[in-house]
Amino acid sequence: MTAWALAARGGDPEAVEHFVRALHRDVQRYVAHLCADPQAVDDLAQDTFLRALGSLHRFEGRSSARAWLLSIARRAVIDSFRYAAARPRLADVPDWQLAVENAQPRDLPGFDDGVVLLDLLESLPDERREAFVLTQLVGLPYAEAAAAGDCPIGTVRSRVARARATLIELLTDQTEPGDQDQLAALAAA
């Protein structure tokens, strides 16, 4: 991926296409876990790639292209939060919360488990959630997650370990006694 980024930096349109295709899903998953608005994920991923392609001439390959791109994604999400905070949107419906709930997908396989997972992840402190998502859901190596999160690798390892412990504790509190063996198997994976 880094080779494609460097080739794209040199003006190779095929390398640009490979670079975007190879990292698009990772960017979308990372952005989805950073922002709370599922409808904004595609826009934020597109914004990430626009920013990256616009500054590709400055990419020198000192870090992996994935870590570089995910750090851009992180800044895109932060900028979107700042923009939204400065310009709140008005809803032209009597009960905007009901309208949002009705717009959410329902009856999809695994949807309820996904909602539970998002709720559990939301209960984690921001830094731990980010480290957990980068390493466990996006699949980044700890070094790349450290570069994307702008912190030392030991900090990422500590945050992931603490996030796992918190999630296991939360799941233990919510499960039936018979489900404890399944939970232990999941925690060991």
N, C-alpha and C. Protein backbone atom coordinates (compact mmCIF):
# COMPACT_ATOMS: atom_id res chain seq x y z
N MET A 1 0.82 -1.19 0.00
CA MET A 1 0.00 0.00 0.00
C MET A 1 0.87 1.26 0.00
N THR A 2 1.93 1.20 0.76
CA THR A 2 2.83 2.35 0.80
C THR A 2 3.47 2.55 -0.56
N ALA A 3 3.81 1.44 -1.24
CA ALA A 3 4.40 1.54 -2.58
C ALA A 3 3.40 2.18 -3.54
N TRP A 4 2.11 1.82 -3.41
CA TRP A 4 1.10 2.44 -4.29
C TRP A 4 0.97 3.92 -4.00
N ALA A 5 1.05 4.29 -2.72
CA ALA A 5 0.95 5.71 -2.36
C ALA A 5 2.13 6.47 -2.95
N LEU A 6 3.31 5.89 -2.88
CA LEU A 6 4.48 6.57 -3.43
C LEU A 6 4.40 6.66 -4.96
N ALA A 7 3.89 5.60 -5.59
CA ALA A 7 3.71 5.63 -7.04
C ALA A 7 2.63 6.64 -7.43
N ALA A 8 1.56 6.70 -6.63
CA ALA A 8 0.49 7.67 -6.90
C ALA A 8 1.02 9.09 -6.73
N ARG A 9 1.90 9.26 -5.79
CA ARG A 9 2.53 10.56 -5.58
C ARG A 9 3.29 11.00 -6.83
N GLY A 10 3.84 10.03 -7.54
CA GLY A 10 4.56 10.31 -8.79
C GLY A 10 3.64 10.54 -9.98
N GLY A 11 2.32 10.41 -9.78
CA GLY A 11 1.37 10.70 -10.85
C GLY A 11 0.80 9.49 -11.56
N ASP A 12 1.00 8.29 -11.04
CA ASP A 12 0.49 7.06 -11.66
C ASP A 12 -0.99 6.89 -11.31
N PRO A 13 -1.91 7.07 -12.30
CA PRO A 13 -3.35 6.97 -11.99
C PRO A 13 -3.77 5.56 -11.56
N GLU A 14 -3.10 4.52 -12.07
CA GLU A 14 -3.43 3.16 -11.66
C GLU A 14 -3.04 2.93 -10.20
N ALA A 15 -1.95 3.50 -9.78
CA ALA A 15 -1.52 3.40 -8.39
C ALA A 15 -2.50 4.11 -7.47
N VAL A 16 -3.04 5.24 -7.91
CA VAL A 16 -4.05 5.95 -7.12
C VAL A 16 -5.26 5.06 -6.90
N GLU A 17 -5.70 4.40 -7.97
CA GLU A 17 -6.87 3.52 -7.87
C GLU A 17 -6.59 2.35 -6.91
N HIS A 18 -5.42 1.73 -7.01
CA HIS A 18 -5.07 0.62 -6.12
C HIS A 18 -4.98 1.11 -4.67
N PHE A 19 -4.40 2.25 -4.48
CA PHE A 19 -4.25 2.83 -3.13
C PHE A 19 -5.62 3.04 -2.49
N VAL A 20 -6.52 3.66 -3.22
CA VAL A 20 -7.87 3.94 -2.69
C VAL A 20 -8.63 2.65 -2.43
N ARG A 21 -8.60 1.72 -3.38
CA ARG A 21 -9.33 0.46 -3.20
C ARG A 21 -8.80 -0.35 -2.02
N ALA A 22 -7.49 -0.36 -1.86
CA ALA A 22 -6.88 -1.17 -0.81
C ALA A 22 -7.23 -0.65 0.58
N LEU A 23 -7.42 0.65 0.73
CA LEU A 23 -7.61 1.23 2.06
C LEU A 23 -9.01 1.77 2.32
N HIS A 24 -9.87 1.74 1.33
CA HIS A 24 -11.20 2.33 1.49
C HIS A 24 -11.99 1.71 2.63
N ARG A 25 -11.99 0.39 2.72
CA ARG A 25 -12.77 -0.28 3.76
C ARG A 25 -12.21 0.03 5.16
N ASP A 26 -10.88 0.03 5.28
CA ASP A 26 -10.28 0.36 6.57
C ASP A 26 -10.66 1.77 7.02
N VAL A 27 -10.63 2.71 6.08
CA VAL A 27 -10.99 4.09 6.40
C VAL A 27 -12.45 4.17 6.82
N GLN A 28 -13.32 3.50 6.09
CA GLN A 28 -14.75 3.53 6.45
C GLN A 28 -14.99 2.95 7.84
N ARG A 29 -14.37 1.82 8.14
CA ARG A 29 -14.59 1.20 9.46
C ARG A 29 -14.05 2.10 10.58
N TYR A 30 -12.89 2.69 10.35
CA TYR A 30 -12.30 3.56 11.36
C TYR A 30 -13.17 4.79 11.59
N VAL A 31 -13.61 5.40 10.51
CA VAL A 31 -14.46 6.59 10.60
C VAL A 31 -15.79 6.25 11.26
N ALA A 32 -16.33 5.08 10.94
CA ALA A 32 -17.62 4.67 11.52
C ALA A 32 -17.54 4.56 13.04
N HIS A 33 -16.40 4.13 13.54
CA HIS A 33 -16.25 3.99 14.99
C HIS A 33 -15.87 5.29 15.68
N LEU A 34 -15.34 6.22 14.92
CA LEU A 34 -15.00 7.51 15.52
C LEU A 34 -16.19 8.45 15.59
N CYS A 35 -17.03 8.39 14.57
CA CYS A 35 -18.16 9.33 14.55
C CYS A 35 -19.44 8.61 14.96
N ALA A 36 -20.38 9.33 15.45
CA ALA A 36 -21.62 8.73 15.93
C ALA A 36 -22.73 8.79 14.89
N ASP A 37 -22.43 9.24 13.69
CA ASP A 37 -23.45 9.44 12.66
C ASP A 37 -23.22 8.47 11.50
N PRO A 38 -23.97 7.36 11.44
CA PRO A 38 -23.75 6.38 10.37
C PRO A 38 -23.95 6.97 8.96
N GLN A 39 -24.78 7.99 8.86
CA GLN A 39 -25.01 8.60 7.55
C GLN A 39 -23.82 9.44 7.10
N ALA A 40 -22.94 9.79 8.00
CA ALA A 40 -21.80 10.64 7.66
C ALA A 40 -20.55 9.84 7.29
N VAL A 41 -20.58 8.54 7.45
CA VAL A 41 -19.39 7.71 7.24
C VAL A 41 -18.87 7.84 5.81
N ASP A 42 -19.74 7.69 4.83
CA ASP A 42 -19.28 7.77 3.44
C ASP A 42 -18.71 9.14 3.11
N ASP A 43 -19.37 10.18 3.60
CA ASP A 43 -18.87 11.54 3.35
C ASP A 43 -17.50 11.77 4.00
N LEU A 44 -17.34 11.27 5.22
CA LEU A 44 -16.07 11.45 5.91
C LEU A 44 -14.96 10.62 5.26
N ALA A 45 -15.30 9.42 4.79
CA ALA A 45 -14.30 8.61 4.09
C ALA A 45 -13.89 9.30 2.79
N GLN A 46 -14.86 9.85 2.07
CA GLN A 46 -14.54 10.57 0.84
C GLN A 46 -13.69 11.80 1.15
N ASP A 47 -14.03 12.52 2.20
CA ASP A 47 -13.25 13.69 2.59
C ASP A 47 -11.82 13.29 2.94
N THR A 48 -11.68 12.14 3.61
CA THR A 48 -10.35 11.64 3.95
C THR A 48 -9.51 11.43 2.69
N PHE A 49 -10.09 10.76 1.71
CA PHE A 49 -9.33 10.49 0.48
C PHE A 49 -9.06 11.76 -0.31
N LEU A 50 -10.00 12.70 -0.30
CA LEU A 50 -9.74 13.97 -0.98
C LEU A 50 -8.58 14.70 -0.33
N ARG A 51 -8.57 14.71 0.99
CA ARG A 51 -7.46 15.36 1.71
C ARG A 51 -6.14 14.63 1.44
N ALA A 52 -6.20 13.31 1.46
CA ALA A 52 -4.98 12.52 1.25
C ALA A 52 -4.43 12.72 -0.16
N LEU A 53 -5.30 12.65 -1.14
CA LEU A 53 -4.83 12.81 -2.52
C LEU A 53 -4.33 14.22 -2.77
N GLY A 54 -4.93 15.19 -2.09
CA GLY A 54 -4.47 16.57 -2.22
C GLY A 54 -3.12 16.82 -1.57
N SER A 55 -2.78 16.00 -0.59
CA SER A 55 -1.49 16.20 0.08
C SER A 55 -0.54 15.04 -0.15
N LEU A 56 -0.85 14.21 -1.14
CA LEU A 56 0.00 13.06 -1.44
C LEU A 56 1.42 13.46 -1.82
N HIS A 57 1.56 14.64 -2.38
CA HIS A 57 2.89 15.11 -2.76
C HIS A 57 3.81 15.30 -1.55
N ARG A 58 3.22 15.41 -0.36
CA ARG A 58 4.01 15.56 0.86
C ARG A 58 4.29 14.23 1.55
N PHE A 59 3.63 13.15 1.12
CA PHE A 59 3.85 11.84 1.73
C PHE A 59 5.23 11.33 1.32
N GLU A 60 6.04 11.02 2.34
CA GLU A 60 7.42 10.59 2.08
C GLU A 60 7.65 9.12 2.38
N GLY A 61 6.66 8.43 2.89
CA GLY A 61 6.81 7.01 3.17
C GLY A 61 7.55 6.69 4.45
N ARG A 62 7.67 7.66 5.36
CA ARG A 62 8.34 7.40 6.64
C ARG A 62 7.49 6.52 7.55
N SER A 63 6.18 6.57 7.37
CA SER A 63 5.27 5.66 8.07
C SER A 63 4.51 4.91 6.98
N SER A 64 3.73 3.94 7.37
CA SER A 64 2.95 3.21 6.37
C SER A 64 1.86 4.12 5.82
N ALA A 65 1.45 3.85 4.61
CA ALA A 65 0.40 4.65 3.99
C ALA A 65 -0.90 4.51 4.78
N ARG A 66 -1.15 3.35 5.35
CA ARG A 66 -2.37 3.12 6.13
C ARG A 66 -2.39 4.01 7.37
N ALA A 67 -1.29 4.03 8.10
CA ALA A 67 -1.22 4.87 9.31
C ALA A 67 -1.37 6.34 8.94
N TRP A 68 -0.71 6.75 7.87
CA TRP A 68 -0.81 8.14 7.40
C TRP A 68 -2.26 8.48 7.04
N LEU A 69 -2.92 7.58 6.30
CA LEU A 69 -4.30 7.82 5.87
C LEU A 69 -5.26 7.83 7.05
N LEU A 70 -5.06 6.93 8.02
CA LEU A 70 -5.96 6.90 9.17
C LEU A 70 -5.77 8.12 10.07
N SER A 71 -4.58 8.67 10.10
CA SER A 71 -4.40 9.92 10.85
C SER A 71 -5.13 11.07 10.16
N ILE A 72 -5.18 11.03 8.84
CA ILE A 72 -5.96 12.03 8.10
C ILE A 72 -7.45 11.82 8.38
N ALA A 73 -7.88 10.57 8.42
CA ALA A 73 -9.29 10.26 8.72
C ALA A 73 -9.67 10.78 10.10
N ARG A 74 -8.78 10.59 11.04
CA ARG A 74 -9.03 11.07 12.41
C ARG A 74 -9.23 12.59 12.42
N ARG A 75 -8.37 13.30 11.70
CA ARG A 75 -8.51 14.75 11.64
C ARG A 75 -9.79 15.16 10.90
N ALA A 76 -10.19 14.40 9.89
CA ALA A 76 -11.43 14.71 9.17
C ALA A 76 -12.64 14.58 10.09
N VAL A 77 -12.64 13.54 10.93
CA VAL A 77 -13.76 13.36 11.88
C VAL A 77 -13.76 14.48 12.91
N ILE A 78 -12.60 14.82 13.43
CA ILE A 78 -12.51 15.90 14.42
C ILE A 78 -13.00 17.21 13.81
N ASP A 79 -12.58 17.48 12.56
CA ASP A 79 -13.04 18.70 11.89
C ASP A 79 -14.55 18.70 11.69
N SER A 80 -15.11 17.52 11.39
CA SER A 80 -16.57 17.46 11.20
C SER A 80 -17.30 17.73 12.51
N PHE A 81 -16.75 17.24 13.63
CA PHE A 81 -17.34 17.54 14.94
C PHE A 81 -17.29 19.04 15.22
N ARG A 82 -16.16 19.64 14.93
CA ARG A 82 -16.03 21.08 15.15
C ARG A 82 -17.00 21.85 14.29
N TYR A 83 -17.14 21.45 13.04
CA TYR A 83 -18.06 22.13 12.14
C TYR A 83 -19.51 21.98 12.63
N ALA A 84 -19.87 20.76 13.03
CA ALA A 84 -21.23 20.52 13.50
C ALA A 84 -21.53 21.30 14.78
N ALA A 85 -20.53 21.41 15.64
CA ALA A 85 -20.73 22.15 16.89
C ALA A 85 -20.91 23.65 16.62
N ALA A 86 -20.24 24.14 15.60
CA ALA A 86 -20.33 25.56 15.28
C ALA A 86 -21.63 25.88 14.54
N ARG A 87 -22.16 24.90 13.82
CA ARG A 87 -23.37 25.12 13.03
C ARG A 87 -24.38 24.00 13.29
N PRO A 88 -25.09 24.06 14.39
CA PRO A 88 -26.06 22.99 14.67
C PRO A 88 -27.18 22.99 13.63
N ARG A 89 -27.64 21.78 13.31
CA ARG A 89 -28.73 21.63 12.34
C ARG A 89 -30.07 21.67 13.05
N LEU A 90 -31.02 22.27 12.40
CA LEU A 90 -32.38 22.32 12.93
C LEU A 90 -33.21 21.22 12.30
N ALA A 91 -34.07 20.62 13.07
CA ALA A 91 -34.96 19.58 12.55
C ALA A 91 -36.34 20.18 12.41
N ASP A 92 -36.95 19.95 11.26
CA ASP A 92 -38.28 20.49 10.98
C ASP A 92 -39.35 19.41 11.19
N VAL A 93 -39.22 18.68 12.29
CA VAL A 93 -40.21 17.66 12.64
C VAL A 93 -40.55 17.84 14.11
N PRO A 94 -41.77 17.49 14.50
CA PRO A 94 -42.15 17.69 15.89
C PRO A 94 -41.33 16.83 16.87
N ASP A 95 -41.03 15.59 16.51
CA ASP A 95 -40.26 14.71 17.39
C ASP A 95 -39.06 14.20 16.62
N TRP A 96 -37.95 14.94 16.68
CA TRP A 96 -36.78 14.60 15.89
C TRP A 96 -36.15 13.29 16.33
N GLN A 97 -36.25 12.95 17.62
CA GLN A 97 -35.67 11.70 18.09
C GLN A 97 -36.40 10.49 17.49
N LEU A 98 -37.73 10.57 17.42
CA LEU A 98 -38.50 9.50 16.80
C LEU A 98 -38.17 9.39 15.31
N ALA A 99 -37.99 10.51 14.63
CA ALA A 99 -37.64 10.50 13.21
C ALA A 99 -36.28 9.82 12.99
N VAL A 100 -35.32 10.07 13.87
CA VAL A 100 -34.00 9.45 13.75
C VAL A 100 -34.11 7.95 14.00
N GLU A 101 -34.85 7.56 15.02
CA GLU A 101 -35.02 6.13 15.33
C GLU A 101 -35.70 5.40 14.18
N ASN A 102 -36.70 6.01 13.58
CA ASN A 102 -37.40 5.38 12.46
C ASN A 102 -36.55 5.27 11.21
N ALA A 103 -35.55 6.11 11.08
CA ALA A 103 -34.67 6.08 9.91
C ALA A 103 -33.58 5.00 10.02
N GLN A 104 -33.41 4.41 11.19
CA GLN A 104 -32.36 3.40 11.38
C GLN A 104 -32.81 2.06 10.79
N PRO A 105 -31.84 1.28 10.27
CA PRO A 105 -32.19 -0.04 9.72
C PRO A 105 -32.65 -1.00 10.82
N ARG A 106 -33.53 -1.90 10.45
CA ARG A 106 -34.07 -2.86 11.41
C ARG A 106 -34.10 -4.25 10.78
N ASP A 107 -34.18 -5.26 11.63
CA ASP A 107 -34.32 -6.65 11.22
C ASP A 107 -33.24 -7.14 10.27
N LEU A 108 -32.03 -6.62 10.41
CA LEU A 108 -30.91 -7.11 9.63
C LEU A 108 -30.17 -8.15 10.45
N PRO A 109 -29.66 -9.22 9.80
CA PRO A 109 -28.91 -10.22 10.57
C PRO A 109 -27.70 -9.57 11.25
N GLY A 110 -27.56 -9.81 12.54
CA GLY A 110 -26.44 -9.28 13.29
C GLY A 110 -26.59 -7.82 13.70
N PHE A 111 -27.67 -7.17 13.30
CA PHE A 111 -27.84 -5.75 13.59
C PHE A 111 -27.90 -5.50 15.10
N ASP A 112 -28.68 -6.32 15.81
CA ASP A 112 -28.80 -6.13 17.25
C ASP A 112 -27.47 -6.32 17.96
N ASP A 113 -26.69 -7.33 17.52
CA ASP A 113 -25.37 -7.54 18.10
C ASP A 113 -24.47 -6.34 17.82
N GLY A 114 -24.59 -5.78 16.62
CA GLY A 114 -23.80 -4.59 16.28
C GLY A 114 -24.15 -3.41 17.15
N VAL A 115 -25.43 -3.26 17.44
CA VAL A 115 -25.86 -2.16 18.31
C VAL A 115 -25.31 -2.37 19.71
N VAL A 116 -25.36 -3.60 20.21
CA VAL A 116 -24.81 -3.90 21.54
C VAL A 116 -23.31 -3.61 21.56
N LEU A 117 -22.60 -4.02 20.49
CA LEU A 117 -21.17 -3.76 20.42
C LEU A 117 -20.89 -2.27 20.42
N LEU A 118 -21.64 -1.52 19.64
CA LEU A 118 -21.44 -0.06 19.61
C LEU A 118 -21.72 0.56 20.98
N ASP A 119 -22.75 0.08 21.65
CA ASP A 119 -23.05 0.59 23.00
C ASP A 119 -21.90 0.28 23.97
N LEU A 120 -21.37 -0.94 23.88
CA LEU A 120 -20.25 -1.30 24.74
C LEU A 120 -19.03 -0.46 24.42
N LEU A 121 -18.74 -0.28 23.14
CA LEU A 121 -17.59 0.54 22.75
C LEU A 121 -17.77 1.99 23.19
N GLU A 122 -19.00 2.46 23.13
CA GLU A 122 -19.29 3.84 23.52
C GLU A 122 -19.02 4.06 25.01
N SER A 123 -19.12 2.99 25.79
CA SER A 123 -18.89 3.13 27.23
C SER A 123 -17.40 3.27 27.57
N LEU A 124 -16.53 2.97 26.61
CA LEU A 124 -15.09 3.10 26.84
C LEU A 124 -14.66 4.55 26.74
N PRO A 125 -13.62 4.93 27.47
CA PRO A 125 -13.05 6.28 27.28
C PRO A 125 -12.54 6.42 25.84
N ASP A 126 -12.56 7.63 25.31
CA ASP A 126 -12.23 7.87 23.90
C ASP A 126 -10.90 7.26 23.48
N GLU A 127 -9.85 7.44 24.27
CA GLU A 127 -8.52 6.96 23.89
C GLU A 127 -8.49 5.43 23.82
N ARG A 128 -9.14 4.78 24.77
CA ARG A 128 -9.16 3.31 24.77
C ARG A 128 -9.99 2.79 23.61
N ARG A 129 -11.13 3.44 23.35
CA ARG A 129 -11.98 3.02 22.24
C ARG A 129 -11.22 3.14 20.92
N GLU A 130 -10.53 4.25 20.72
CA GLU A 130 -9.79 4.45 19.48
C GLU A 130 -8.72 3.37 19.31
N ALA A 131 -7.95 3.09 20.34
CA ALA A 131 -6.90 2.08 20.26
C ALA A 131 -7.49 0.70 20.00
N PHE A 132 -8.61 0.38 20.66
CA PHE A 132 -9.26 -0.91 20.46
C PHE A 132 -9.78 -1.05 19.04
N VAL A 133 -10.44 -0.02 18.55
CA VAL A 133 -11.00 -0.06 17.19
C VAL A 133 -9.89 -0.21 16.16
N LEU A 134 -8.83 0.57 16.30
CA LEU A 134 -7.73 0.51 15.33
C LEU A 134 -7.09 -0.87 15.28
N THR A 135 -6.84 -1.46 16.44
CA THR A 135 -6.11 -2.73 16.47
C THR A 135 -7.02 -3.95 16.32
N GLN A 136 -8.18 -3.93 16.95
CA GLN A 136 -9.02 -5.12 16.99
C GLN A 136 -10.08 -5.16 15.88
N LEU A 137 -10.58 -4.02 15.46
CA LEU A 137 -11.61 -4.01 14.42
C LEU A 137 -11.06 -3.66 13.06
N VAL A 138 -10.20 -2.65 12.99
CA VAL A 138 -9.59 -2.29 11.71
C VAL A 138 -8.45 -3.26 11.39
N GLY A 139 -7.77 -3.77 12.42
CA GLY A 139 -6.73 -4.75 12.23
C GLY A 139 -5.33 -4.18 12.04
N LEU A 140 -5.12 -2.96 12.48
CA LEU A 140 -3.79 -2.36 12.36
C LEU A 140 -2.82 -2.99 13.34
N PRO A 141 -1.56 -3.13 12.95
CA PRO A 141 -0.54 -3.49 13.94
C PRO A 141 -0.43 -2.36 14.97
N TYR A 142 0.07 -2.70 16.14
CA TYR A 142 0.15 -1.70 17.21
C TYR A 142 0.99 -0.49 16.82
N ALA A 143 2.05 -0.70 16.07
CA ALA A 143 2.91 0.42 15.65
C ALA A 143 2.16 1.40 14.76
N GLU A 144 1.36 0.87 13.83
CA GLU A 144 0.58 1.74 12.95
C GLU A 144 -0.54 2.44 13.72
N ALA A 145 -1.14 1.74 14.67
CA ALA A 145 -2.18 2.36 15.50
C ALA A 145 -1.58 3.49 16.32
N ALA A 146 -0.35 3.29 16.80
CA ALA A 146 0.33 4.34 17.57
C ALA A 146 0.59 5.56 16.69
N ALA A 147 1.00 5.32 15.45
CA ALA A 147 1.24 6.44 14.53
C ALA A 147 -0.07 7.16 14.20
N ALA A 148 -1.13 6.39 13.97
CA ALA A 148 -2.43 7.01 13.65
C ALA A 148 -2.99 7.78 14.84
N GLY A 149 -2.78 7.25 16.04
CA GLY A 149 -3.29 7.90 17.25
C GLY A 149 -2.35 8.92 17.85
N ASP A 150 -1.17 9.05 17.25
CA ASP A 150 -0.17 10.03 17.69
C ASP A 150 0.22 9.82 19.15
N CYS A 151 0.59 8.54 19.48
CA CYS A 151 1.02 8.22 20.84
C CYS A 151 2.02 7.07 20.77
N PRO A 152 2.74 6.80 21.85
CA PRO A 152 3.71 5.69 21.86
C PRO A 152 3.02 4.33 21.75
N ILE A 153 3.75 3.35 21.25
CA ILE A 153 3.20 2.01 21.05
C ILE A 153 2.80 1.37 22.38
N GLY A 154 3.57 1.63 23.44
CA GLY A 154 3.23 1.09 24.76
C GLY A 154 1.90 1.62 25.28
N THR A 155 1.61 2.86 24.94
CA THR A 155 0.34 3.46 25.34
C THR A 155 -0.81 2.75 24.63
N VAL A 156 -0.62 2.43 23.35
CA VAL A 156 -1.66 1.71 22.59
C VAL A 156 -1.88 0.34 23.21
N ARG A 157 -0.80 -0.36 23.51
CA ARG A 157 -0.93 -1.69 24.13
C ARG A 157 -1.69 -1.62 25.45
N SER A 158 -1.37 -0.64 26.27
CA SER A 158 -2.03 -0.46 27.56
C SER A 158 -3.51 -0.14 27.38
N ARG A 159 -3.81 0.75 26.44
CA ARG A 159 -5.21 1.14 26.20
C ARG A 159 -6.03 -0.05 25.70
N VAL A 160 -5.45 -0.85 24.81
CA VAL A 160 -6.18 -2.02 24.29
C VAL A 160 -6.42 -3.02 25.42
N ALA A 161 -5.41 -3.27 26.23
CA ALA A 161 -5.57 -4.21 27.35
C ALA A 161 -6.65 -3.73 28.31
N ARG A 162 -6.64 -2.45 28.63
CA ARG A 162 -7.66 -1.92 29.54
C ARG A 162 -9.04 -1.94 28.90
N ALA A 163 -9.10 -1.67 27.59
CA ALA A 163 -10.40 -1.73 26.89
C ALA A 163 -10.95 -3.14 26.92
N ARG A 164 -10.09 -4.13 26.65
CA ARG A 164 -10.53 -5.53 26.70
C ARG A 164 -11.06 -5.88 28.08
N ALA A 165 -10.33 -5.50 29.11
CA ALA A 165 -10.75 -5.81 30.47
C ALA A 165 -12.10 -5.18 30.79
N THR A 166 -12.28 -3.94 30.37
CA THR A 166 -13.55 -3.25 30.61
C THR A 166 -14.69 -3.92 29.85
N LEU A 167 -14.44 -4.27 28.58
CA LEU A 167 -15.48 -4.91 27.78
C LEU A 167 -15.86 -6.28 28.35
N ILE A 168 -14.87 -7.04 28.79
CA ILE A 168 -15.15 -8.35 29.38
C ILE A 168 -15.97 -8.17 30.66
N GLU A 169 -15.61 -7.18 31.45
CA GLU A 169 -16.36 -6.92 32.68
C GLU A 169 -17.81 -6.53 32.36
N LEU A 170 -17.99 -5.67 31.37
CA LEU A 170 -19.34 -5.26 30.99
C LEU A 170 -20.15 -6.42 30.44
N LEU A 171 -19.51 -7.25 29.63
CA LEU A 171 -20.21 -8.41 29.08
C LEU A 171 -20.54 -9.43 30.16
N THR A 172 -19.67 -9.60 31.10
CA THR A 172 -19.91 -10.53 32.20
C THR A 172 -21.12 -10.09 33.01
N ASP A 173 -21.24 -8.80 33.23
CA ASP A 173 -22.37 -8.27 33.98
C ASP A 173 -23.69 -8.46 33.24
N GLN A 174 -23.64 -8.51 31.88
CA GLN A 174 -24.86 -8.56 31.08
C GLN A 174 -25.28 -9.97 30.67
N THR A 175 -24.40 -10.97 30.82
CA THR A 175 -24.71 -12.30 30.30
C THR A 175 -25.34 -13.19 31.35
N GLU A 176 -26.00 -14.19 30.84
CA GLU A 176 -26.60 -15.22 31.69
C GLU A 176 -25.48 -16.13 32.19
N PRO A 177 -25.69 -16.82 33.31
CA PRO A 177 -24.64 -17.71 33.83
C PRO A 177 -24.22 -18.78 32.82
N GLY A 178 -25.12 -19.31 32.01
CA GLY A 178 -24.79 -20.34 31.02
C GLY A 178 -23.95 -19.81 29.86
N ASP A 179 -23.97 -18.51 29.64
CA ASP A 179 -23.23 -17.91 28.54
C ASP A 179 -21.78 -17.60 28.93
N GLN A 180 -21.38 -17.85 30.18
CA GLN A 180 -20.05 -17.48 30.65
C GLN A 180 -18.95 -18.23 29.87
N ASP A 181 -19.20 -19.53 29.50
CA ASP A 181 -18.19 -20.29 28.76
C ASP A 181 -17.96 -19.69 27.38
N GLN A 182 -19.05 -19.30 26.71
CA GLN A 182 -18.91 -18.65 25.39
C GLN A 182 -18.17 -17.35 25.52
N LEU A 183 -18.45 -16.60 26.55
CA LEU A 183 -17.77 -15.31 26.77
C LEU A 183 -16.29 -15.52 27.00
N ALA A 184 -15.94 -16.54 27.78
CA ALA A 184 -14.52 -16.82 28.03
C ALA A 184 -13.81 -17.20 26.74
N ALA A 185 -14.49 -17.97 25.88
CA ALA A 185 -13.89 -18.34 24.59
C ALA A 185 -13.69 -17.12 23.71
N LEU A 186 -14.63 -16.21 23.71
CA LEU A 186 -14.50 -14.98 22.91
C LEU A 186 -13.39 -14.11 23.44
N ALA A 187 -13.25 -14.03 24.74
CA ALA A 187 -12.22 -13.19 25.33
C ALA A 187 -10.83 -13.73 25.03
N ALA A 188 -10.71 -15.03 24.92
CA ALA A 188 -9.41 -15.64 24.65
C ALA A 188 -9.02 -15.49 23.18
N ALA A 189 -9.99 -15.26 22.31
CA ALA A 189 -9.69 -15.18 20.86
C ALA A 189 -8.93 -13.96 20.48
